[in-house]
Structures are given as structure tokens and as C-alpha cells.
Amino acid sequence: MDIVWLIAVIVALVLGVLFGYGIFRYVIKGEYNRKLAEAEKEAEVMKEKKLLEVKEKFLNKKSELEKEVQTRNQHIQQSENKLKQRELSINQRQEELGRRKNELDNQQTRIDNEKKLLQIKNEELEKMQLQERAKLEELSGLSADEAKQRLVEAMKDEAKTDAQSYINEIMDEAKLNANAQARKIVIQTIQRVATETAIENSVSVFHIDNDEVKGRIIGREGRNIRALEAATGVEIVVDDTPEAIVISAFDPIRREVCRLALHQLVADGRIHPARIEEVVQKVKKQLENEVIETGKRTCIDLGIHGLHPELTRIIGKMKYRSSYGQNLLQHARETANLCAVMASELGLNPKKAKRAGLLHDIGKVPDEESELPHALYGAKIAEKYREKPDICNAIAAHHDECEMNTLLAPIVQVCDAISGARPGARREIVEAYIKRLNDLEAIAMSYPGVTKTYAIQAGRELRVIVGADKMDDTQTEALSGEIANKIQNEMTYPGQVKITVIRETRSVAYAK
């Protein structure tokens, strides 16, 4: 019984599954057919829509193409009209050219006829000339060639005499005009550049507010003034002159360092040897900066640009140098202005002439001593700092120590002479004095162990500072005698020279 039920249940389940599958398939197929019909309708609608869009685009493109074709047809029509007009004008020109050609042919025919007539007349004229020449030869008894030769000889002699006379007159007139013109240029140049004559001496005066400051500058047992003289290399004269201290030295830079150091020391109030050395070193650095600034201002005032910084510094050093008593910077500025004016008068480049005039004496302020003359040494310095060859040649040749290769050289030479030859511009005695003091210091510096030398008291005393670690007291005494003997043998000087050798031992320690 149970088996029968089980079989019946299984059969019922199978029939249920088959019935459900049939119903499911019927429902799915109907839905599928419905969806398919809807899709076909939508596809038909989209197809019609796309066909409408394509037709619209086709019509738009067709209208655009028609417009473009119409436009091109218009351009073609315009081009055809232009070509017709050109063709018409060309035809007219051809007709005109044909007409002119006919006229030219007619003129050429007339010219040919005239040439033939002219040739006939020339032949007749030559025959008449031959007949006339034969008659002249028969009458004069000379042939035509002989008569021509005699005439040429006579005219040649007369022309030589006239030409020589004319040449002599021109040369005399040119010499007179050249001298007058040169004199005119030089005089105009001097008149247009009228600067004051600057004459330096070997003394500077430091003004003070009251005489009490003198005692502080001298210091206890003169230690302050000795330290200042040793640090700066000058002679300081403190006498009864009211409110003034005299600084004496042949080197203007030393005097300026001492003056500025005194000014700072008096303003600060602390005056002792250590402070003096510190201020002197500081002032030397300040003076170096002032030298550079002076060189820059000079170049700006003269309108000179592009100088090497080292050349600018050398120009600034000229402020503290003199040449035969004439301030070297003032002389260089004056020479530069003279060169510019003279170059303008002669039609040359005034800027280049001014540059050469300013640099012509840079060999007088070297950082290192040279055996070359200052003109050649200055040209060497200028060439080192990339100045142009014509500038270097003008510097080297302004004292005729080398050949002049450009027109700048004689201009610089003449203007240098003009600046230095004016009345009162220079004093030979000052230059000789400075040279003697330089020679004194150079003799002392030639000995080993010497660190500094200072010529003071107008060359009557030479102070020599030696290193304490390089020689002892016995060698110091011997050194003074050797220097004295060498000065006696090699130099000429008035009076006597006192040689003072100073040897100091310093001990320095720091409290930390």
C-alpha cells in the first residue's frame, strides 16, 4: 500500500512539473513575442527618425554645396571678366607698341640716311684738310709732324714753369695755414679747459679744539706720539702753534692716514698705543675704499665707462700722488679734457682720446716698483686689463719711448705737455725731494730682517723697524752703521741723515 502511494506521489509530482513547465513556456513565449513586437515597432520608429535626419542633413549639404558652387561660379565669372579686361588692355598695348615700332623704324631709316650724308661730308672735310695741310707745309717748309713736335715742346716748357711756380705757392700757403691751424687748435683747447693749478707740499695741518688735546696725543713720556709715528711713518710736530698739530711726510697717503687717525682718536677720547695701531689699520682700510670711490667718481665725471676695477682703483690713488708738485689726478683729468677737445677739433673720437688722456700716467702709481719707465709700465698695466691697442700705444708713446702707431698718441703727448708746462703747474724741486726720500727708504728695505722704513724730518732722519725674531741687539747696532755707509756711498743729500733702528719685543696674551 505504501509503495502504491509512493508511486502515485511520484507520478503526481512528474505531472505537476510537466504541467508547470508547459504553463511557464507558454507565458515566456507570449512575453517574448510581445517584447519582440515592441522592439520591432521601436526599430521602425528609430529607422524612420534616422531616415528623416539623414534626409535633413542631405538637404542641408545640398544647399551648402549649391551655395558654394554659386560662389565659385561668381568668382569664375569675375576672373573671366578680369581676363577679358586684361586681354583688351594687352591688345591695346600691342597696337601701341606696333605703332611705336613703326615710328622707330621710320626714325632709324632717317638716321641711317643722315649717317650716310654725314659720312660723305666727313670724307669731303678730310680731303679739304689734307689739301689745306699740304698748302701749309708748302708755305712753311715744315711737315705736320715736325710742326706738332715743336709746338708740344714749347707748350711743355711753359707748362713746367707755370706748374712749378704754382706748386711752390701752394706749399708755402699750406705751411702757413698748417702752422696757424695747429696754433689755433692748441690755443682753443687750452682756453676751453682752464683748471686751477694744484701744488702740493709735504706738510698737513691737523686742527684741534684746544691745546689740552696736545698732551693726550703726546702721551706719557711721548709713547702715544711715538706709536702714531711708527704706525703711520710720518713726523708729528707738536709746538706752540695754537690749536694745530703739523703732520710732515713726503707721502700724501701717509699724511692722510695720520690725519684721519688723529681725528678718530681725538673724537673717541681713547688714546693709547694699542688703540692707535687699531685705528690706523681701520683708517687704512677706509682710505682704500675712498681711493676706489674717488676713481669711480672721476670716471663718472669724465663720462668714461667700462674700465677694469683695478684701473679705477689706480686712478683713485692718483689723488694722493704728485708729479713735480702737480697733483697727479688733477693733471690726468686736465689732460683727459684737453685730449677730448683736441680730438673733436681734429675730427677724431673724443671719448677714446679722453680715456687715453686719463690713463696716460697710471704707471706713476704702481702697487709694485718696476724698472720700466712709467709710460711703458702704464701701457703694460693697461694691456693687462684689456684696454684697446691704440689706448695702450698712446700711453706708452707719450714720452717718445716707443713708436706712435695711432693719432691718439701725439694728441696725448701734446695735451700732457700743455697740462704740465703751464706757469706754476709743476715744481721740479718737490719731485727731486720725494725721489730722494723714496731712495732712502728703498736702501733700508734692501736689508734682510727690515719690516718697515720711514723717512721723516724732511729726509734728515730714517727710522728702520726690524723684526725682534730676526735679529738681536748687536745686529741692530751693526745694521744702522751699514745703512749709513750705504747712504753715504750711493746718495747725494744736504746735511746729515740720522738712522734710527727700532727693535721691539711684544708679548700678547688673551684673558678668556
Protein backbone atom coordinates (compact mmCIF):
# COMPACT_ATOMS: atom_id res chain seq x y z
CA MET A 1 0.00 0.00 0.00
CA ASP A 2 2.82 2.33 0.86
CA ILE A 3 4.53 1.62 -2.41
CA VAL A 4 1.38 2.43 -4.31
CA TRP A 5 1.16 5.78 -2.57
CA LEU A 6 4.75 6.49 -3.23
CA ILE A 7 4.30 5.72 -6.90
CA ALA A 8 1.21 7.86 -7.01
CA VAL A 9 3.02 10.75 -5.38
CA ILE A 10 5.91 10.47 -7.80
CA VAL A 11 3.56 10.35 -10.76
CA ALA A 12 1.68 13.38 -9.40
CA LEU A 13 4.94 15.29 -8.97
CA VAL A 14 6.06 14.45 -12.51
CA LEU A 15 2.71 15.53 -13.95
CA GLY A 16 2.86 18.76 -11.87
CA VAL A 17 6.32 19.53 -13.11
CA LEU A 18 5.31 18.91 -16.72
CA PHE A 19 2.18 21.00 -16.36
CA GLY A 20 4.14 23.84 -14.71
CA TYR A 21 6.81 23.73 -17.41
CA GLY A 22 4.13 23.95 -20.11
CA ILE A 23 2.46 26.92 -18.43
CA PHE A 24 5.87 28.64 -17.89
CA ARG A 25 6.83 28.09 -21.50
CA TYR A 26 3.52 29.47 -22.73
CA VAL A 27 3.86 32.59 -20.56
CA ILE A 28 7.51 33.15 -21.53
CA LYS A 29 6.81 32.71 -25.23
CA GLY A 30 3.95 35.20 -25.09
CA GLU A 31 6.09 37.74 -23.29
CA TYR A 32 8.87 37.15 -25.80
CA ASN A 33 6.57 37.70 -28.74
CA ARG A 34 5.23 40.86 -27.10
CA LYS A 35 8.72 42.25 -26.43
CA LEU A 36 9.77 41.33 -29.97
CA ALA A 37 6.81 43.19 -31.41
CA GLU A 38 7.57 46.24 -29.28
CA ALA A 39 11.25 46.13 -30.33
CA GLU A 40 10.28 45.91 -33.97
CA LYS A 41 7.98 48.92 -33.58
CA GLU A 42 10.72 50.92 -31.83
CA ALA A 43 13.21 49.92 -34.51
CA GLU A 44 10.79 51.02 -37.18
CA VAL A 45 10.28 54.36 -35.42
CA MET A 46 14.05 54.88 -35.00
CA LYS A 47 14.58 53.87 -38.62
CA GLU A 48 12.07 56.47 -39.78
CA LYS A 49 13.65 59.05 -37.45
CA LYS A 50 17.13 58.34 -38.73
CA LEU A 51 15.89 58.47 -42.32
CA LEU A 52 14.39 61.88 -41.60
CA GLU A 53 17.67 63.08 -40.04
CA VAL A 54 19.68 61.77 -42.98
CA LYS A 55 17.29 63.45 -45.42
CA GLU A 56 17.59 66.73 -43.47
CA LYS A 57 21.41 66.55 -43.46
CA PHE A 58 21.35 65.66 -47.14
CA LEU A 59 19.20 68.68 -47.91
CA ASN A 60 21.49 70.95 -45.79
CA LYS A 61 24.59 69.64 -47.51
CA LYS A 62 22.92 70.03 -50.86
CA SER A 63 22.03 73.68 -50.11
CA GLU A 64 25.59 74.36 -48.86
CA LEU A 65 27.08 72.79 -51.97
CA GLU A 66 24.74 74.80 -54.16
CA LYS A 67 25.82 77.99 -52.37
CA GLU A 68 29.49 77.05 -52.73
CA VAL A 69 29.02 76.22 -56.41
CA GLN A 70 27.24 79.53 -56.87
CA THR A 71 30.05 81.38 -55.11
CA ARG A 72 32.69 79.64 -57.22
CA ASN A 73 30.72 80.40 -60.34
CA GLN A 74 30.67 84.06 -59.33
CA HIS A 75 34.48 84.01 -58.75
CA ILE A 76 34.97 82.30 -62.08
CA GLN A 77 32.78 84.89 -63.75
CA GLN A 78 34.76 87.70 -62.09
CA SER A 79 38.04 86.08 -63.16
CA GLU A 80 36.74 85.76 -66.70
CA ASN A 81 35.79 89.44 -66.68
CA LYS A 82 39.24 90.40 -65.40
CA LEU A 83 40.90 88.24 -68.03
CA LYS A 84 38.77 89.84 -70.74
CA GLN A 85 39.77 93.31 -69.47
CA ARG A 86 43.45 92.30 -69.40
CA GLU A 87 43.18 90.82 -72.85
CA LEU A 88 41.63 94.05 -74.07
CA SER A 89 44.38 96.15 -72.44
CA ILE A 90 47.07 93.82 -73.86
CA ASN A 91 45.59 94.21 -77.30
CA GLN A 92 45.64 97.96 -76.88
CA ARG A 93 49.27 97.85 -75.73
CA GLN A 94 50.20 95.65 -78.66
CA GLU A 95 48.62 98.14 -81.02
CA GLU A 96 50.51 100.95 -79.25
CA LEU A 97 53.77 99.01 -79.45
CA GLY A 98 53.19 98.29 -83.11
CA ARG A 99 52.63 101.96 -83.75
CA ARG A 100 55.78 102.93 -81.81
CA LYS A 101 57.76 100.28 -83.63
CA ASN A 102 56.72 101.77 -86.94
CA GLU A 103 57.77 105.19 -85.70
CA LEU A 104 61.14 103.82 -84.55
CA ASP A 105 61.66 102.11 -87.89
CA ASN A 106 60.97 105.38 -89.64
CA GLN A 107 63.36 107.22 -87.31
CA GLN A 108 66.04 104.57 -87.81
CA THR A 109 65.66 104.96 -91.58
CA ARG A 110 66.08 108.73 -91.26
CA ILE A 111 69.12 108.27 -89.00
CA ASP A 112 70.73 105.87 -91.46
CA ASN A 113 70.21 108.37 -94.25
CA GLU A 114 71.69 111.16 -92.14
CA LYS A 115 74.69 108.93 -91.24
CA LYS A 116 75.36 108.34 -94.90
CA LEU A 117 75.20 112.09 -95.60
CA LEU A 118 77.47 112.77 -92.58
CA GLN A 119 79.97 110.20 -93.76
CA ILE A 120 80.06 111.78 -97.20
CA LYS A 121 80.61 115.22 -95.65
CA ASN A 122 83.39 113.84 -93.36
CA GLU A 123 85.17 112.39 -96.37
CA GLU A 124 84.91 115.71 -98.15
CA LEU A 125 86.20 117.50 -94.98
CA GLU A 126 89.19 115.14 -94.69
CA LYS A 127 90.04 115.80 -98.32
CA MET A 128 89.87 119.56 -97.72
CA GLN A 129 92.05 119.19 -94.53
CA LEU A 130 94.65 117.24 -96.48
CA GLN A 131 94.65 119.90 -99.15
CA GLU A 132 94.99 122.70 -96.56
CA ARG A 133 97.81 120.80 -94.73
CA ALA A 134 99.67 120.32 -97.99
CA LYS A 135 99.37 124.04 -98.73
CA LEU A 136 100.62 124.94 -95.17
CA GLU A 137 103.56 122.53 -95.44
CA GLU A 138 104.41 124.01 -98.84
CA LEU A 139 104.29 127.56 -97.45
CA SER A 140 106.15 126.87 -94.11
CA GLY A 141 108.66 124.37 -95.37
CA LEU A 142 107.86 122.01 -92.35
CA SER A 143 105.94 118.79 -92.22
CA ALA A 144 102.91 118.45 -89.98
CA ASP A 145 104.72 116.10 -87.57
CA GLU A 146 107.67 118.49 -87.19
CA ALA A 147 105.37 121.45 -86.53
CA LYS A 148 103.42 119.41 -83.94
CA GLN A 149 106.64 118.37 -82.20
CA ARG A 150 107.88 121.98 -81.96
CA LEU A 151 104.53 123.15 -80.58
CA VAL A 152 104.44 120.39 -77.97
CA GLU A 153 107.99 121.17 -76.77
CA ALA A 154 107.19 124.86 -76.41
CA MET A 155 103.99 124.18 -74.51
CA LYS A 156 105.73 121.61 -72.29
CA ASP A 157 108.43 124.06 -71.15
CA GLU A 158 105.86 126.75 -70.46
CA ALA A 159 103.65 124.30 -68.53
CA LYS A 160 106.60 123.11 -66.38
CA THR A 161 107.47 126.69 -65.40
CA ASP A 162 103.87 127.55 -64.53
CA ALA A 163 103.33 124.28 -62.63
CA GLN A 164 106.49 124.69 -60.52
CA SER A 165 105.54 128.22 -59.60
CA TYR A 166 102.03 127.06 -58.71
CA ILE A 167 103.36 124.18 -56.61
CA ASN A 168 105.68 126.48 -54.64
CA GLU A 169 102.83 128.88 -53.92
CA ILE A 170 100.57 126.05 -52.74
CA MET A 171 103.27 124.58 -50.46
CA ASP A 172 104.06 127.94 -48.87
CA GLU A 173 100.40 128.63 -48.32
CA ALA A 174 99.85 125.13 -46.86
CA LYS A 175 102.75 125.54 -44.40
CA LEU A 176 101.44 128.89 -43.22
CA ASN A 177 97.90 127.57 -42.89
CA ALA A 178 99.05 124.37 -41.14
CA ASN A 179 101.06 126.28 -38.53
CA ALA A 180 98.24 128.76 -38.00
CA GLN A 181 95.63 126.00 -37.79
CA ALA A 182 97.69 123.94 -35.33
CA ARG A 183 98.32 127.02 -33.20
CA LYS A 184 94.60 127.81 -33.27
CA ILE A 185 93.62 124.29 -32.16
CA VAL A 186 96.11 124.28 -29.27
CA ILE A 187 95.09 127.76 -28.07
CA GLN A 188 91.38 126.95 -28.28
CA THR A 189 91.94 123.71 -26.39
CA ILE A 190 93.82 125.47 -23.58
CA GLN A 191 91.21 128.21 -23.33
CA ARG A 192 88.31 125.75 -23.19
CA VAL A 193 89.92 123.71 -20.41
CA ALA A 194 91.02 126.24 -17.81
CA THR A 195 91.52 124.47 -14.48
CA GLU A 196 93.24 125.61 -11.35
CA THR A 197 96.83 124.61 -10.74
CA ALA A 198 97.19 122.30 -7.75
CA ILE A 199 100.57 122.34 -5.99
CA GLU A 200 101.04 120.04 -3.04
CA ASN A 201 103.61 120.28 -0.29
CA SER A 202 104.85 117.81 2.26
CA VAL A 203 103.02 119.19 5.31
CA SER A 204 99.43 118.77 6.55
CA VAL A 205 97.90 120.64 9.48
CA PHE A 206 95.53 118.93 11.93
CA HIS A 207 93.32 121.42 13.74
CA ILE A 208 92.25 120.77 17.33
CA ASP A 209 89.72 122.48 19.59
CA ASN A 210 92.09 123.29 22.44
CA ASP A 211 95.71 122.80 23.42
CA GLU A 212 94.85 120.24 26.13
CA VAL A 213 94.45 117.65 23.40
CA LYS A 214 98.14 118.01 22.55
CA GLY A 215 99.16 116.45 25.87
CA ARG A 216 96.86 113.48 25.35
CA ILE A 217 98.26 112.97 21.83
CA ILE A 218 101.85 113.06 23.14
CA GLY A 219 101.05 110.62 25.99
CA ARG A 220 103.11 109.65 28.99
CA GLU A 221 106.79 110.11 28.13
CA GLY A 222 105.79 110.52 24.47
CA ARG A 223 104.61 106.92 23.99
CA ASN A 224 101.42 107.85 22.10
CA ILE A 225 103.12 110.11 19.57
CA ARG A 226 105.91 107.57 19.04
CA ALA A 227 103.37 104.81 18.46
CA LEU A 228 101.48 107.00 15.97
CA GLU A 229 104.67 107.94 14.12
CA ALA A 230 105.76 104.28 13.97
CA ALA A 231 102.36 103.11 12.72
CA THR A 232 101.92 105.78 10.04
CA GLY A 233 105.51 106.64 9.03
CA VAL A 234 105.14 110.40 9.45
CA GLU A 235 106.70 113.04 11.67
CA ILE A 236 104.29 114.79 14.04
CA VAL A 237 105.36 118.25 15.15
CA VAL A 238 103.66 119.48 18.32
CA ASP A 239 104.86 123.01 19.05
CA ASP A 240 103.46 126.30 20.30
CA THR A 241 101.25 126.79 17.25
CA PRO A 242 97.77 127.38 18.75
CA GLU A 243 95.12 124.74 18.09
CA ALA A 244 97.18 122.98 15.42
CA ILE A 245 99.42 119.94 15.00
CA VAL A 246 101.73 119.68 11.98
CA ILE A 247 101.99 116.34 10.16
CA SER A 248 105.11 116.10 7.98
CA ALA A 249 105.79 113.38 5.39
CA PHE A 250 106.67 113.23 1.70
CA ASP A 251 103.98 110.60 1.03
CA PRO A 252 100.48 112.18 0.88
CA ILE A 253 98.81 108.85 1.72
CA ARG A 254 100.75 108.56 4.96
CA ARG A 255 99.80 112.12 5.91
CA GLU A 256 96.14 111.44 5.15
CA VAL A 257 96.18 108.19 7.19
CA CYS A 258 97.71 110.04 10.14
CA ARG A 259 95.26 112.95 9.88
CA LEU A 260 92.21 110.67 9.75
CA ALA A 261 93.55 108.51 12.59
CA LEU A 262 94.13 111.60 14.77
CA HIS A 263 90.62 112.80 14.01
CA GLN A 264 89.09 109.48 15.13
CA LEU A 265 91.32 109.19 18.20
CA VAL A 266 90.55 112.73 19.39
CA ALA A 267 86.81 112.24 18.78
CA ASP A 268 86.84 108.88 20.61
CA GLY A 269 89.00 110.10 23.51
CA ARG A 270 90.81 106.77 24.00
CA ILE A 271 94.43 107.42 23.02
CA HIS A 272 96.98 104.71 23.82
CA PRO A 273 99.43 102.66 21.69
CA ALA A 274 97.18 99.62 21.20
CA ARG A 275 94.20 101.80 20.28
CA ILE A 276 96.41 103.86 17.94
CA GLU A 277 97.50 100.78 15.96
CA GLU A 278 93.89 99.54 15.75
CA VAL A 279 92.61 102.91 14.47
CA VAL A 280 95.47 103.25 11.96
CA GLN A 281 94.67 99.84 10.44
CA LYS A 282 90.99 100.75 10.28
CA VAL A 283 91.77 104.10 8.64
CA LYS A 284 93.98 102.42 6.04
CA LYS A 285 91.05 100.22 5.01
CA GLN A 286 88.74 103.25 4.90
CA LEU A 287 91.26 105.13 2.78
CA GLU A 288 91.43 102.20 0.36
CA ASN A 289 87.64 102.37 -0.03
CA GLU A 290 87.87 106.13 -0.52
CA VAL A 291 90.52 105.59 -3.22
CA ILE A 292 88.14 103.28 -5.11
CA GLU A 293 85.25 105.72 -4.69
CA THR A 294 87.43 108.60 -5.96
CA GLY A 295 88.32 106.57 -9.05
CA LYS A 296 84.64 105.81 -9.72
CA ARG A 297 83.61 109.47 -9.30
CA THR A 298 86.38 110.58 -11.64
CA CYS A 299 85.25 108.13 -14.35
CA ILE A 300 81.63 109.22 -13.94
CA ASP A 301 82.54 112.92 -14.11
CA LEU A 302 84.51 112.38 -17.32
CA GLY A 303 81.90 110.06 -18.86
CA ILE A 304 84.31 107.12 -19.14
CA HIS A 305 82.70 103.68 -18.83
CA GLY A 306 83.82 100.06 -18.89
CA LEU A 307 87.15 100.50 -17.05
CA HIS A 308 88.52 97.49 -15.21
CA PRO A 309 88.02 97.86 -11.40
CA GLU A 310 91.78 97.72 -10.87
CA LEU A 311 92.32 100.64 -13.28
CA THR A 312 89.61 102.56 -11.42
CA ARG A 313 91.47 101.96 -8.15
CA ILE A 314 94.76 103.14 -9.69
CA ILE A 315 93.04 106.33 -10.87
CA GLY A 316 91.78 106.92 -7.33
CA LYS A 317 95.33 106.53 -5.99
CA MET A 318 96.40 109.44 -8.20
CA LYS A 319 94.63 111.78 -5.77
CA TYR A 320 97.40 111.12 -3.26
CA ARG A 321 100.32 111.39 -5.68
CA SER A 322 102.03 114.40 -7.19
CA SER A 323 104.21 114.85 -10.24
CA TYR A 324 106.74 117.66 -9.88
CA GLY A 325 104.43 119.24 -7.30
CA GLN A 326 101.32 118.92 -9.50
CA ASN A 327 98.50 116.72 -8.20
CA LEU A 328 98.51 113.66 -10.45
CA LEU A 329 94.73 113.12 -10.51
CA GLN A 330 94.12 116.78 -11.35
CA HIS A 331 96.77 116.52 -14.09
CA ALA A 332 95.16 113.34 -15.50
CA ARG A 333 91.67 114.91 -15.52
CA GLU A 334 93.00 118.04 -17.18
CA THR A 335 94.88 116.00 -19.79
CA ALA A 336 91.75 113.93 -20.49
CA ASN A 337 89.63 117.04 -21.09
CA LEU A 338 92.33 118.57 -23.28
CA CYS A 339 92.54 115.36 -25.33
CA ALA A 340 88.78 115.26 -25.83
CA VAL A 341 88.66 118.87 -27.04
CA MET A 342 91.64 118.47 -29.35
CA ALA A 343 90.29 115.20 -30.79
CA SER A 344 86.97 116.92 -31.51
CA GLU A 345 88.77 119.75 -33.28
CA LEU A 346 90.62 117.20 -35.43
CA GLY A 347 87.54 115.09 -36.20
CA LEU A 348 88.63 112.08 -34.09
CA ASN A 349 86.81 110.10 -31.39
CA PRO A 350 86.75 112.35 -28.28
CA LYS A 351 85.69 109.55 -25.89
CA LYS A 352 88.64 107.37 -26.82
CA ALA A 353 91.02 110.36 -26.57
CA LYS A 354 89.64 111.25 -23.12
CA ARG A 355 90.16 107.65 -21.97
CA ALA A 356 93.78 107.65 -23.15
CA GLY A 357 94.42 111.03 -21.50
CA LEU A 358 93.06 109.85 -18.15
CA LEU A 359 95.16 106.66 -18.17
CA HIS A 360 98.42 108.09 -19.55
CA ASP A 361 100.16 108.38 -16.13
CA ILE A 362 98.90 105.21 -14.38
CA GLY A 363 102.48 103.93 -14.45
CA LYS A 364 103.38 106.54 -11.80
CA VAL A 365 101.20 104.90 -9.11
CA PRO A 366 102.15 101.21 -9.25
CA ASP A 367 101.47 98.73 -6.47
CA GLU A 368 104.87 97.20 -7.20
CA GLU A 369 108.03 99.03 -8.18
CA SER A 370 109.18 98.49 -11.75
CA GLU A 371 112.41 99.27 -13.55
CA LEU A 372 110.48 100.28 -16.68
CA PRO A 373 109.77 103.97 -17.39
CA HIS A 374 106.34 104.98 -16.17
CA ALA A 375 104.95 105.33 -19.72
CA LEU A 376 105.91 101.79 -20.76
CA TYR A 377 104.85 100.38 -17.39
CA GLY A 378 101.50 102.17 -17.65
CA ALA A 379 100.94 100.69 -21.12
CA LYS A 380 101.76 97.25 -19.72
CA ILE A 381 99.18 97.72 -16.95
CA ALA A 382 96.55 98.94 -19.45
CA GLU A 383 97.22 95.96 -21.73
CA LYS A 384 96.95 93.61 -18.75
CA TYR A 385 93.45 94.91 -18.00
CA ARG A 386 92.30 94.58 -21.64
CA GLU A 387 92.46 98.15 -22.89
CA LYS A 388 92.47 98.54 -26.67
CA PRO A 389 95.82 98.59 -28.55
CA ASP A 390 95.50 102.25 -29.63
CA ILE A 391 94.95 103.31 -25.98
CA CYS A 392 97.98 101.28 -24.85
CA ASN A 393 100.12 102.77 -27.63
CA ALA A 394 99.09 106.33 -26.67
CA ILE A 395 100.09 105.64 -23.03
CA ALA A 396 103.44 104.07 -23.99
CA ALA A 397 104.41 106.72 -26.56
CA HIS A 398 103.56 109.95 -24.72
CA HIS A 399 107.24 110.39 -23.80
CA ASP A 400 108.61 109.08 -27.16
CA GLU A 401 109.73 105.81 -25.55
CA CYS A 402 108.11 103.76 -28.29
CA GLU A 403 106.82 104.36 -31.81
CA MET A 404 103.49 106.15 -32.27
CA ASN A 405 101.08 103.93 -34.20
CA THR A 406 97.86 105.95 -33.96
CA LEU A 407 96.73 109.58 -34.00
CA LEU A 408 95.80 109.32 -30.31
CA ALA A 409 99.46 109.12 -29.29
CA PRO A 410 100.54 112.62 -30.45
CA ILE A 411 97.32 114.11 -29.02
CA VAL A 412 98.05 112.61 -25.57
CA GLN A 413 101.68 113.74 -25.78
CA VAL A 414 100.74 117.32 -26.68
CA CYS A 415 97.98 117.57 -24.05
CA ASP A 416 100.28 116.13 -21.36
CA ALA A 417 102.84 118.82 -22.24
CA ILE A 418 100.13 121.53 -22.21
CA SER A 419 98.91 120.49 -18.75
CA GLY A 420 102.40 120.26 -17.27
CA ALA A 421 104.01 123.27 -18.98
CA ARG A 422 101.59 125.96 -17.81
CA PRO A 423 103.22 128.52 -15.50
CA GLY A 424 103.18 127.27 -11.90
CA ALA A 425 101.81 123.85 -12.76
CA ARG A 426 104.89 121.93 -11.61
CA ARG A 427 107.92 122.29 -9.39
CA GLU A 428 110.98 120.23 -10.14
CA ILE A 429 112.39 120.61 -6.61
CA VAL A 430 109.46 118.79 -4.98
CA GLU A 431 109.85 115.81 -7.28
CA ALA A 432 113.56 115.59 -6.57
CA TYR A 433 112.85 115.78 -2.83
CA ILE A 434 110.30 112.95 -2.96
CA LYS A 435 112.66 110.81 -5.06
CA ARG A 436 115.44 111.28 -2.51
CA LEU A 437 113.20 110.16 0.36
CA ASN A 438 111.98 107.15 -1.63
CA ASP A 439 115.59 106.17 -2.31
CA LEU A 440 116.38 106.44 1.42
CA GLU A 441 113.56 104.07 2.31
CA ALA A 442 114.46 101.69 -0.52
CA ILE A 443 118.08 101.39 0.67
CA ALA A 444 116.97 100.45 4.19
CA MET A 445 114.35 97.97 2.93
CA SER A 446 117.01 96.12 0.92
CA TYR A 447 118.46 94.62 4.14
CA PRO A 448 117.08 91.30 5.47
CA GLY A 449 115.07 91.50 8.66
CA VAL A 450 113.74 95.03 7.97
CA THR A 451 109.93 95.18 8.13
CA LYS A 452 109.20 98.92 7.73
CA THR A 453 111.12 102.11 6.88
CA TYR A 454 110.04 105.73 7.28
CA ALA A 455 111.93 108.82 6.09
CA ILE A 456 110.95 111.75 8.33
CA GLN A 457 112.09 115.29 9.21
CA ALA A 458 112.44 116.20 5.53
CA GLY A 459 114.87 113.34 4.98
CA ARG A 460 117.14 114.18 7.94
CA GLU A 461 116.09 111.03 9.82
CA LEU A 462 115.44 107.49 8.65
CA ARG A 463 113.58 105.19 11.02
CA VAL A 464 114.06 101.48 10.39
CA ILE A 465 111.85 98.93 12.17
CA VAL A 466 113.23 95.39 12.33
CA GLY A 467 111.66 92.14 13.50
CA ALA A 468 112.64 91.15 17.01
CA ASP A 469 112.72 87.50 15.99
CA LYS A 470 115.01 88.11 13.01
CA MET A 471 117.98 89.90 14.64
CA ASP A 472 119.34 90.67 18.08
CA ASP A 473 120.54 93.95 19.61
CA THR A 474 124.12 93.52 18.34
CA GLN A 475 122.95 93.01 14.79
CA THR A 476 120.67 96.03 15.17
CA GLU A 477 123.62 98.27 16.03
CA ALA A 478 125.62 96.91 13.08
CA LEU A 479 122.64 97.44 10.75
CA SER A 480 122.43 101.18 11.45
CA GLY A 481 126.11 101.58 10.56
CA GLU A 482 125.76 99.56 7.34
CA ILE A 483 122.78 101.62 6.22
CA ALA A 484 124.61 104.87 7.00
CA ASN A 485 127.65 103.77 4.96
CA LYS A 486 125.50 102.71 2.02
CA ILE A 487 123.64 106.04 2.01
CA GLN A 488 126.96 107.92 2.08
CA ASN A 489 128.29 105.95 -0.88
CA GLU A 490 125.20 105.89 -3.08
CA MET A 491 123.31 109.14 -2.46
CA THR A 492 123.79 112.88 -2.62
CA TYR A 493 121.97 114.85 0.10
CA PRO A 494 122.33 118.09 2.06
CA GLY A 495 123.41 117.96 5.71
CA GLN A 496 123.33 114.63 7.53
CA VAL A 497 120.89 111.76 7.87
CA LYS A 498 120.16 110.13 11.22
CA ILE A 499 119.49 106.39 11.03
CA THR A 500 117.38 105.05 13.92
CA VAL A 501 116.90 101.27 14.05
CA ILE A 502 114.00 100.18 16.27
CA ARG A 503 113.66 96.63 17.58
CA GLU A 504 110.61 95.85 19.67
CA THR A 505 109.62 92.72 21.56
CA ARG A 506 105.90 92.30 22.14
CA SER A 507 104.15 89.75 24.35
CA VAL A 508 100.45 89.26 23.71
CA ALA A 509 98.03 87.21 25.81
CA TYR A 510 94.25 86.96 25.93
CA ALA A 511 92.04 86.66 29.02
CA LYS A 512 89.08 84.40 28.26
